[in-house]
Structures are given as C-alpha cells and as structure tokens.
Amino acid sequence: MRPALIRFILLLFLIILANEVAMTCPVCFGAVESARTRDSLNMAVIVLLGITGGVLSLFVTFFAYLRKRARMTLNGSFEYPNPN
C-alpha cells in the first residue's frame, strides 16, 4: 500500500474513535453555564490579546531602534570613540 493511503486510513480511523472525546466540551460550543464562566472566558481573551499586543509592540520598538541606529551610521553622525 502507498504511504498516503495508509495515513488516510489511519486518520479516518482516529476521527471515528475520537469523535466522542472531541465533542465533550460544552463551553467550546457556546453552552456557557453561568455568568461567572462567561466573564472568566472574556477576561482570558483580553489577557491573551494584551500579552500578544505587548510582545508585538516591543518588536516594533526594537526594529524602530535598529532603523534609527542604521540611519545614524549611514549619515555619519555616529562616531566611534577615539582609541587614543
């Protein structure tokens, strides 16, 4: 048998077996039981977005700093210290 066919059969077999396990989380399908659960999920999303935004803004700041340093070097305004 070809390896692609074997992988397809194995994947199909796993999907059939794992069907019940994948469907056990009611929160993933929008069945929020209480307001407390809803509020905690909303705060989790806000925290994750805040962390992602913070890291991305640090990347932008770092690359802006590198761009500034490169322009200083190209313009000749950046001087190395005198070794004497």
PDB file of N, CA and C in Angstrom:
ATOM      1  N   MET A   1       0.840  -1.187   0.000  1.00  0.00           N
ATOM      2  CA  MET A   1       0.000   0.000   0.000  1.00  0.00           C
ATOM      3  C   MET A   1       0.883   1.248   0.000  1.00  0.00           C
ATOM      4  N   ARG A   2       0.346   2.277  -0.546  1.00  0.00           N
ATOM      5  CA  ARG A   2       1.080   3.532  -0.578  1.00  0.00           C
ATOM      6  C   ARG A   2       1.013   4.208   0.793  1.00  0.00           C
ATOM      7  N   PRO A   3       2.069   4.964   1.155  1.00  0.00           N
ATOM      8  CA  PRO A   3       2.067   5.634   2.467  1.00  0.00           C
ATOM      9  C   PRO A   3       0.942   6.652   2.619  1.00  0.00           C
ATOM     10  N   ALA A   4       0.551   7.314   1.538  1.00  0.00           N
ATOM     11  CA  ALA A   4      -0.529   8.293   1.636  1.00  0.00           C
ATOM     12  C   ALA A   4      -1.851   7.613   1.960  1.00  0.00           C
ATOM     13  N   LEU A   5      -2.082   6.463   1.377  1.00  0.00           N
ATOM     14  CA  LEU A   5      -3.315   5.728   1.648  1.00  0.00           C
ATOM     15  C   LEU A   5      -3.335   5.217   3.084  1.00  0.00           C
ATOM     16  N   ILE A   6      -2.205   4.747   3.556  1.00  0.00           N
ATOM     17  CA  ILE A   6      -2.110   4.284   4.947  1.00  0.00           C
ATOM     18  C   ILE A   6      -2.380   5.431   5.909  1.00  0.00           C
ATOM     19  N   ARG A   7      -1.806   6.610   5.638  1.00  0.00           N
ATOM     20  CA  ARG A   7      -2.045   7.776   6.500  1.00  0.00           C
ATOM     21  C   ARG A   7      -3.513   8.174   6.486  1.00  0.00           C
ATOM     22  N   PHE A   8      -4.141   8.124   5.314  1.00  0.00           N
ATOM     23  CA  PHE A   8      -5.553   8.492   5.214  1.00  0.00           C
ATOM     24  C   PHE A   8      -6.427   7.522   6.010  1.00  0.00           C
ATOM     25  N   ILE A   9      -6.162   6.248   5.901  1.00  0.00           N
ATOM     26  CA  ILE A   9      -6.940   5.251   6.648  1.00  0.00           C
ATOM     27  C   ILE A   9      -6.731   5.427   8.149  1.00  0.00           C
ATOM     28  N   LEU A  10      -5.513   5.675   8.561  1.00  0.00           N
ATOM     29  CA  LEU A  10      -5.233   5.893   9.976  1.00  0.00           C
ATOM     30  C   LEU A  10      -5.932   7.149  10.485  1.00  0.00           C
ATOM     31  N   LEU A  11      -5.911   8.210   9.720  1.00  0.00           N
ATOM     32  CA  LEU A  11      -6.589   9.441  10.109  1.00  0.00           C
ATOM     33  C   LEU A  11      -8.095   9.227  10.207  1.00  0.00           C
ATOM     34  N   LEU A  12      -8.659   8.535   9.255  1.00  0.00           N
ATOM     35  CA  LEU A  12     -10.086   8.245   9.284  1.00  0.00           C
ATOM     36  C   LEU A  12     -10.449   7.403  10.507  1.00  0.00           C
ATOM     37  N   PHE A  13      -9.629   6.429  10.825  1.00  0.00           N
ATOM     38  CA  PHE A  13      -9.848   5.582  11.991  1.00  0.00           C
ATOM     39  C   PHE A  13      -9.786   6.403  13.283  1.00  0.00           C
ATOM     40  N   LEU A  14      -8.826   7.313  13.377  1.00  0.00           N
ATOM     41  CA  LEU A  14      -8.711   8.155  14.569  1.00  0.00           C
ATOM     42  C   LEU A  14      -9.880   9.118  14.704  1.00  0.00           C
ATOM     43  N   ILE A  15     -10.362   9.646  13.600  1.00  0.00           N
ATOM     44  CA  ILE A  15     -11.518  10.548  13.652  1.00  0.00           C
ATOM     45  C   ILE A  15     -12.752   9.801  14.147  1.00  0.00           C
ATOM     46  N   ILE A  16     -12.933   8.597  13.691  1.00  0.00           N
ATOM     47  CA  ILE A  16     -14.096   7.810  14.128  1.00  0.00           C
ATOM     48  C   ILE A  16     -13.998   7.486  15.619  1.00  0.00           C
ATOM     49  N   LEU A  17     -12.808   7.126  16.089  1.00  0.00           N
ATOM     50  CA  LEU A  17     -12.646   6.777  17.503  1.00  0.00           C
ATOM     51  C   LEU A  17     -12.701   7.992  18.424  1.00  0.00           C
ATOM     52  N   ALA A  18     -12.171   9.125  17.975  1.00  0.00           N
ATOM     53  CA  ALA A  18     -12.058  10.298  18.842  1.00  0.00           C
ATOM     54  C   ALA A  18     -13.260  11.217  18.732  1.00  0.00           C
ATOM     55  N   ASN A  19     -14.296  10.816  18.070  1.00  0.00           N
ATOM     56  CA  ASN A  19     -15.456  11.671  17.876  1.00  0.00           C
ATOM     57  C   ASN A  19     -16.104  12.066  19.200  1.00  0.00           C
ATOM     58  N   GLU A  20     -16.313  11.119  20.084  1.00  0.00           N
ATOM     59  CA  GLU A  20     -16.939  11.421  21.369  1.00  0.00           C
ATOM     60  C   GLU A  20     -16.033  12.253  22.259  1.00  0.00           C
ATOM     61  N   VAL A  21     -14.758  12.005  22.230  1.00  0.00           N
ATOM     62  CA  VAL A  21     -13.826  12.755  23.067  1.00  0.00           C
ATOM     63  C   VAL A  21     -13.789  14.210  22.629  1.00  0.00           C
ATOM     64  N   ALA A  22     -13.830  14.471  21.339  1.00  0.00           N
ATOM     65  CA  ALA A  22     -13.767  15.838  20.840  1.00  0.00           C
ATOM     66  C   ALA A  22     -15.047  16.610  21.122  1.00  0.00           C
ATOM     67  N   MET A  23     -16.151  15.934  21.284  1.00  0.00           N
ATOM     68  CA  MET A  23     -17.427  16.609  21.490  1.00  0.00           C
ATOM     69  C   MET A  23     -17.793  16.757  22.967  1.00  0.00           C
ATOM     70  N   THR A  24     -16.889  16.554  23.893  1.00  0.00           N
ATOM     71  CA  THR A  24     -17.239  16.572  25.311  1.00  0.00           C
ATOM     72  C   THR A  24     -17.216  17.945  25.941  1.00  0.00           C
ATOM     73  N   CYS A  25     -16.637  18.945  25.301  1.00  0.00           N
ATOM     74  CA  CYS A  25     -16.509  20.267  25.917  1.00  0.00           C
ATOM     75  C   CYS A  25     -17.690  21.149  25.511  1.00  0.00           C
ATOM     76  N   PRO A  26     -18.671  21.356  26.400  1.00  0.00           N
ATOM     77  CA  PRO A  26     -19.828  22.171  26.023  1.00  0.00           C
ATOM     78  C   PRO A  26     -19.504  23.660  25.918  1.00  0.00           C
ATOM     79  N   VAL A  27     -18.472  24.138  26.627  1.00  0.00           N
ATOM     80  CA  VAL A  27     -18.113  25.552  26.579  1.00  0.00           C
ATOM     81  C   VAL A  27     -17.597  25.922  25.192  1.00  0.00           C
ATOM     82  N   CYS A  28     -16.907  24.985  24.544  1.00  0.00           N
ATOM     83  CA  CYS A  28     -16.386  25.250  23.198  1.00  0.00           C
ATOM     84  C   CYS A  28     -17.490  25.454  22.183  1.00  0.00           C
ATOM     85  N   PHE A  29     -18.660  24.932  22.448  1.00  0.00           N
ATOM     86  CA  PHE A  29     -19.769  25.038  21.514  1.00  0.00           C
ATOM     87  C   PHE A  29     -20.787  26.095  21.934  1.00  0.00           C
ATOM     88  N   GLY A  30     -20.429  26.962  22.882  1.00  0.00           N
ATOM     89  CA  GLY A  30     -21.276  28.083  23.253  1.00  0.00           C
ATOM     90  C   GLY A  30     -22.257  27.825  24.363  1.00  0.00           C
ATOM     91  N   ALA A  31     -22.174  26.716  25.047  1.00  0.00           N
ATOM     92  CA  ALA A  31     -23.102  26.423  26.140  1.00  0.00           C
ATOM     93  C   ALA A  31     -22.488  26.889  27.459  1.00  0.00           C
ATOM     94  N   VAL A  32     -22.502  28.195  27.680  1.00  0.00           N
ATOM     95  CA  VAL A  32     -21.940  28.759  28.907  1.00  0.00           C
ATOM     96  C   VAL A  32     -22.976  28.613  30.014  1.00  0.00           C
ATOM     97  N   GLU A  33     -22.553  27.995  31.124  1.00  0.00           N
ATOM     98  CA  GLU A  33     -23.498  27.684  32.197  1.00  0.00           C
ATOM     99  C   GLU A  33     -23.843  28.895  33.046  1.00  0.00           C
ATOM    100  N   SER A  34     -22.874  29.744  33.320  1.00  0.00           N
ATOM    101  CA  SER A  34     -23.141  30.838  34.243  1.00  0.00           C
ATOM    102  C   SER A  34     -22.452  32.115  33.763  1.00  0.00           C
ATOM    103  N   ALA A  35     -22.833  33.205  34.398  1.00  0.00           N
ATOM    104  CA  ALA A  35     -22.219  34.493  34.065  1.00  0.00           C
ATOM    105  C   ALA A  35     -20.760  34.518  34.506  1.00  0.00           C
ATOM    106  N   ARG A  36     -20.451  33.814  35.561  1.00  0.00           N
ATOM    107  CA  ARG A  36     -19.068  33.774  36.051  1.00  0.00           C
ATOM    108  C   ARG A  36     -18.152  33.095  35.027  1.00  0.00           C
ATOM    109  N   THR A  37     -18.620  32.027  34.409  1.00  0.00           N
ATOM    110  CA  THR A  37     -17.833  31.348  33.378  1.00  0.00           C
ATOM    111  C   THR A  37     -17.641  32.264  32.179  1.00  0.00           C
ATOM    112  N   ARG A  38     -18.695  32.950  31.783  1.00  0.00           N
ATOM    113  CA  ARG A  38     -18.608  33.866  30.645  1.00  0.00           C
ATOM    114  C   ARG A  38     -17.628  34.996  30.926  1.00  0.00           C
ATOM    115  N   ASP A  39     -17.688  35.562  32.122  1.00  0.00           N
ATOM    116  CA  ASP A  39     -16.781  36.654  32.474  1.00  0.00           C
ATOM    117  C   ASP A  39     -15.328  36.185  32.530  1.00  0.00           C
ATOM    118  N   SER A  40     -15.106  34.984  33.046  1.00  0.00           N
ATOM    119  CA  SER A  40     -13.732  34.486  33.116  1.00  0.00           C
ATOM    120  C   SER A  40     -13.180  34.191  31.727  1.00  0.00           C
ATOM    121  N   LEU A  41     -14.015  33.690  30.813  1.00  0.00           N
ATOM    122  CA  LEU A  41     -13.559  33.464  29.438  1.00  0.00           C
ATOM    123  C   LEU A  41     -13.255  34.781  28.736  1.00  0.00           C
ATOM    124  N   ASN A  42     -14.078  35.788  28.977  1.00  0.00           N
ATOM    125  CA  ASN A  42     -13.817  37.100  28.382  1.00  0.00           C
ATOM    126  C   ASN A  42     -12.513  37.701  28.908  1.00  0.00           C
ATOM    127  N   MET A  43     -12.268  37.565  30.194  1.00  0.00           N
ATOM    128  CA  MET A  43     -11.013  38.088  30.757  1.00  0.00           C
ATOM    129  C   MET A  43      -9.809  37.323  30.229  1.00  0.00           C
ATOM    130  N   ALA A  44      -9.951  36.026  30.014  1.00  0.00           N
ATOM    131  CA  ALA A  44      -8.851  35.237  29.456  1.00  0.00           C
ATOM    132  C   ALA A  44      -8.508  35.708  28.054  1.00  0.00           C
ATOM    133  N   VAL A  45      -9.518  35.998  27.267  1.00  0.00           N
ATOM    134  CA  VAL A  45      -9.279  36.502  25.910  1.00  0.00           C
ATOM    135  C   VAL A  45      -8.601  37.864  25.963  1.00  0.00           C
ATOM    136  N   ILE A  46      -9.042  38.736  26.856  1.00  0.00           N
ATOM    137  CA  ILE A  46      -8.445  40.071  26.979  1.00  0.00           C
ATOM    138  C   ILE A  46      -6.990  39.971  27.411  1.00  0.00           C
ATOM    139  N   VAL A  47      -6.688  39.096  28.369  1.00  0.00           N
ATOM    140  CA  VAL A  47      -5.308  38.927  28.825  1.00  0.00           C
ATOM    141  C   VAL A  47      -4.423  38.400  27.698  1.00  0.00           C
ATOM    142  N   LEU A  48      -4.902  37.415  26.966  1.00  0.00           N
ATOM    143  CA  LEU A  48      -4.109  36.869  25.863  1.00  0.00           C
ATOM    144  C   LEU A  48      -3.883  37.908  24.771  1.00  0.00           C
ATOM    145  N   LEU A  49      -4.893  38.704  24.462  1.00  0.00           N
ATOM    146  CA  LEU A  49      -4.712  39.776  23.480  1.00  0.00           C
ATOM    147  C   LEU A  49      -3.739  40.841  23.993  1.00  0.00           C
ATOM    148  N   GLY A  50      -3.788  41.137  25.290  1.00  0.00           N
ATOM    149  CA  GLY A  50      -2.862  42.109  25.867  1.00  0.00           C
ATOM    150  C   GLY A  50      -1.418  41.636  25.814  1.00  0.00           C
ATOM    151  N   ILE A  51      -1.194  40.374  26.121  1.00  0.00           N
ATOM    152  CA  ILE A  51       0.164  39.831  26.061  1.00  0.00           C
ATOM    153  C   ILE A  51       0.671  39.838  24.626  1.00  0.00           C
ATOM    154  N   THR A  52      -0.172  39.410  23.693  1.00  0.00           N
ATOM    155  CA  THR A  52       0.233  39.396  22.281  1.00  0.00           C
ATOM    156  C   THR A  52       0.523  40.807  21.786  1.00  0.00           C
ATOM    157  N   GLY A  53      -0.333  41.756  22.126  1.00  0.00           N
ATOM    158  CA  GLY A  53      -0.112  43.145  21.727  1.00  0.00           C
ATOM    159  C   GLY A  53       1.149  43.725  22.339  1.00  0.00           C
ATOM    160  N   GLY A  54       1.421  43.385  23.594  1.00  0.00           N
ATOM    161  CA  GLY A  54       2.640  43.872  24.243  1.00  0.00           C
ATOM    162  C   GLY A  54       3.903  43.354  23.584  1.00  0.00           C
ATOM    163  N   VAL A  55       3.918  42.076  23.277  1.00  0.00           N
ATOM    164  CA  VAL A  55       5.094  41.492  22.625  1.00  0.00           C
ATOM    165  C   VAL A  55       5.280  42.073  21.231  1.00  0.00           C
ATOM    166  N   LEU A  56       4.191  42.216  20.478  1.00  0.00           N
ATOM    167  CA  LEU A  56       4.296  42.796  19.143  1.00  0.00           C
ATOM    168  C   LEU A  56       4.753  44.247  19.195  1.00  0.00           C
ATOM    169  N   SER A  57       4.296  45.014  20.167  1.00  0.00           N
ATOM    170  CA  SER A  57       4.743  46.408  20.277  1.00  0.00           C
ATOM    171  C   SER A  57       6.217  46.485  20.664  1.00  0.00           C
ATOM    172  N   LEU A  58       6.704  45.535  21.452  1.00  0.00           N
ATOM    173  CA  LEU A  58       8.138  45.503  21.761  1.00  0.00           C
ATOM    174  C   LEU A  58       8.963  45.178  20.518  1.00  0.00           C
ATOM    175  N   PHE A  59       8.479  44.292  19.661  1.00  0.00           N
ATOM    176  CA  PHE A  59       9.169  44.013  18.399  1.00  0.00           C
ATOM    177  C   PHE A  59       9.235  45.266  17.533  1.00  0.00           C
ATOM    178  N   VAL A  60       8.121  45.981  17.426  1.00  0.00           N
ATOM    179  CA  VAL A  60       8.092  47.196  16.614  1.00  0.00           C
ATOM    180  C   VAL A  60       9.056  48.227  17.175  1.00  0.00           C
ATOM    181  N   THR A  61       9.095  48.386  18.486  1.00  0.00           N
ATOM    182  CA  THR A  61      10.009  49.329  19.115  1.00  0.00           C
ATOM    183  C   THR A  61      11.458  48.943  18.861  1.00  0.00           C
ATOM    184  N   PHE A  62      11.764  47.665  18.950  1.00  0.00           N
ATOM    185  CA  PHE A  62      13.129  47.207  18.723  1.00  0.00           C
ATOM    186  C   PHE A  62      13.565  47.462  17.286  1.00  0.00           C
ATOM    187  N   PHE A  63      12.693  47.165  16.319  1.00  0.00           N
ATOM    188  CA  PHE A  63      13.060  47.396  14.925  1.00  0.00           C
ATOM    189  C   PHE A  63      13.149  48.883  14.605  1.00  0.00           C
ATOM    190  N   ALA A  64      12.328  49.718  15.251  1.00  0.00           N
ATOM    191  CA  ALA A  64      12.461  51.167  15.077  1.00  0.00           C
ATOM    192  C   ALA A  64      13.805  51.640  15.634  1.00  0.00           C
ATOM    193  N   TYR A  65      14.231  51.080  16.752  1.00  0.00           N
ATOM    194  CA  TYR A  65      15.538  51.417  17.326  1.00  0.00           C
ATOM    195  C   TYR A  65      16.664  51.001  16.369  1.00  0.00           C
ATOM    196  N   LEU A  66      16.572  49.809  15.799  1.00  0.00           N
ATOM    197  CA  LEU A  66      17.591  49.363  14.846  1.00  0.00           C
ATOM    198  C   LEU A  66      17.617  50.254  13.606  1.00  0.00           C
ATOM    199  N   ARG A  67      16.449  50.673  13.145  1.00  0.00           N
ATOM    200  CA  ARG A  67      16.395  51.567  11.981  1.00  0.00           C
ATOM    201  C   ARG A  67      17.049  52.906  12.299  1.00  0.00           C
ATOM    202  N   LYS A  68      16.803  53.425  13.483  1.00  0.00           N
ATOM    203  CA  LYS A  68      17.407  54.696  13.895  1.00  0.00           C
ATOM    204  C   LYS A  68      18.924  54.568  13.962  1.00  0.00           C
ATOM    205  N   ARG A  69      19.405  53.463  14.514  1.00  0.00           N
ATOM    206  CA  ARG A  69      20.853  53.260  14.599  1.00  0.00           C
ATOM    207  C   ARG A  69      21.486  53.121  13.216  1.00  0.00           C
ATOM    208  N   ALA A  70      20.812  52.452  12.296  1.00  0.00           N
ATOM    209  CA  ALA A  70      21.332  52.296  10.943  1.00  0.00           C
ATOM    210  C   ALA A  70      21.391  53.633  10.226  1.00  0.00           C
ATOM    211  N   ARG A  71      20.388  54.472  10.403  1.00  0.00           N
ATOM    212  CA  ARG A  71      20.409  55.804   9.789  1.00  0.00           C
ATOM    213  C   ARG A  71      21.505  56.670  10.375  1.00  0.00           C
ATOM    214  N   MET A  72      21.745  56.557  11.677  1.00  0.00           N
ATOM    215  CA  MET A  72      22.832  57.331  12.292  1.00  0.00           C
ATOM    216  C   MET A  72      24.173  56.920  11.701  1.00  0.00           C
ATOM    217  N   THR A  73      24.355  55.651  11.461  1.00  0.00           N
ATOM    218  CA  THR A  73      25.613  55.149  10.900  1.00  0.00           C
ATOM    219  C   THR A  73      25.771  55.600   9.455  1.00  0.00           C
ATOM    220  N   LEU A  74      24.704  55.557   8.675  1.00  0.00           N
ATOM    221  CA  LEU A  74      24.780  55.942   7.263  1.00  0.00           C
ATOM    222  C   LEU A  74      25.003  57.438   7.092  1.00  0.00           C
ATOM    223  N   ASN A  75      24.451  58.254   7.980  1.00  0.00           N
ATOM    224  CA  ASN A  75      24.615  59.697   7.883  1.00  0.00           C
ATOM    225  C   ASN A  75      25.958  60.168   8.410  1.00  0.00           C
ATOM    226  N   GLY A  76      26.677  59.325   9.078  1.00  0.00           N
ATOM    227  CA  GLY A  76      27.980  59.692   9.630  1.00  0.00           C
ATOM    228  C   GLY A  76      27.901  60.412  10.967  1.00  0.00           C
ATOM    229  N   SER A  77      26.719  60.523  11.560  1.00  0.00           N
ATOM    230  CA  SER A  77      26.604  61.218  12.838  1.00  0.00           C
ATOM    231  C   SER A  77      26.993  60.309  14.009  1.00  0.00           C
ATOM    232  N   PHE A  78      27.108  59.039  13.742  1.00  0.00           N
ATOM    233  CA  PHE A  78      27.503  58.112  14.789  1.00  0.00           C
ATOM    234  C   PHE A  78      29.024  57.999  14.764  1.00  0.00           C
ATOM    235  N   GLU A  79      29.663  58.373  15.834  1.00  0.00           N
ATOM    236  CA  GLU A  79      31.124  58.350  15.880  1.00  0.00           C
ATOM    237  C   GLU A  79      31.576  57.325  16.896  1.00  0.00           C
ATOM    238  N   TYR A  80      32.591  56.584  16.508  1.00  0.00           N
ATOM    239  CA  TYR A  80      33.181  55.613  17.411  1.00  0.00           C
ATOM    240  C   TYR A  80      34.126  56.350  18.365  1.00  0.00           C
ATOM    241  N   PRO A  81      34.309  55.856  19.555  1.00  0.00           N
ATOM    242  CA  PRO A  81      35.223  56.528  20.491  1.00  0.00           C
ATOM    243  C   PRO A  81      36.663  56.449  19.979  1.00  0.00           C
ATOM    244  N   ASN A  82      37.395  57.484  20.300  1.00  0.00           N
ATOM    245  CA  ASN A  82      38.792  57.594  19.878  1.00  0.00           C
ATOM    246  C   ASN A  82      39.645  56.629  20.704  1.00  0.00           C
ATOM    247  N   PRO A  83      40.385  55.694  20.077  1.00  0.00           N
ATOM    248  CA  PRO A  83      41.173  54.734  20.847  1.00  0.00           C
ATOM    249  C   PRO A  83      42.380  55.357  21.533  1.00  0.00           C
ATOM    250  N   ASN A  84      42.773  56.588  21.166  1.00  0.00           N
ATOM    251  CA  ASN A  84      43.967  57.238  21.779  1.00  0.00           C
ATOM    252  C   ASN A  84      43.632  57.871  23.039  1.00  0.00           C
TER     253      ASN A  84
END
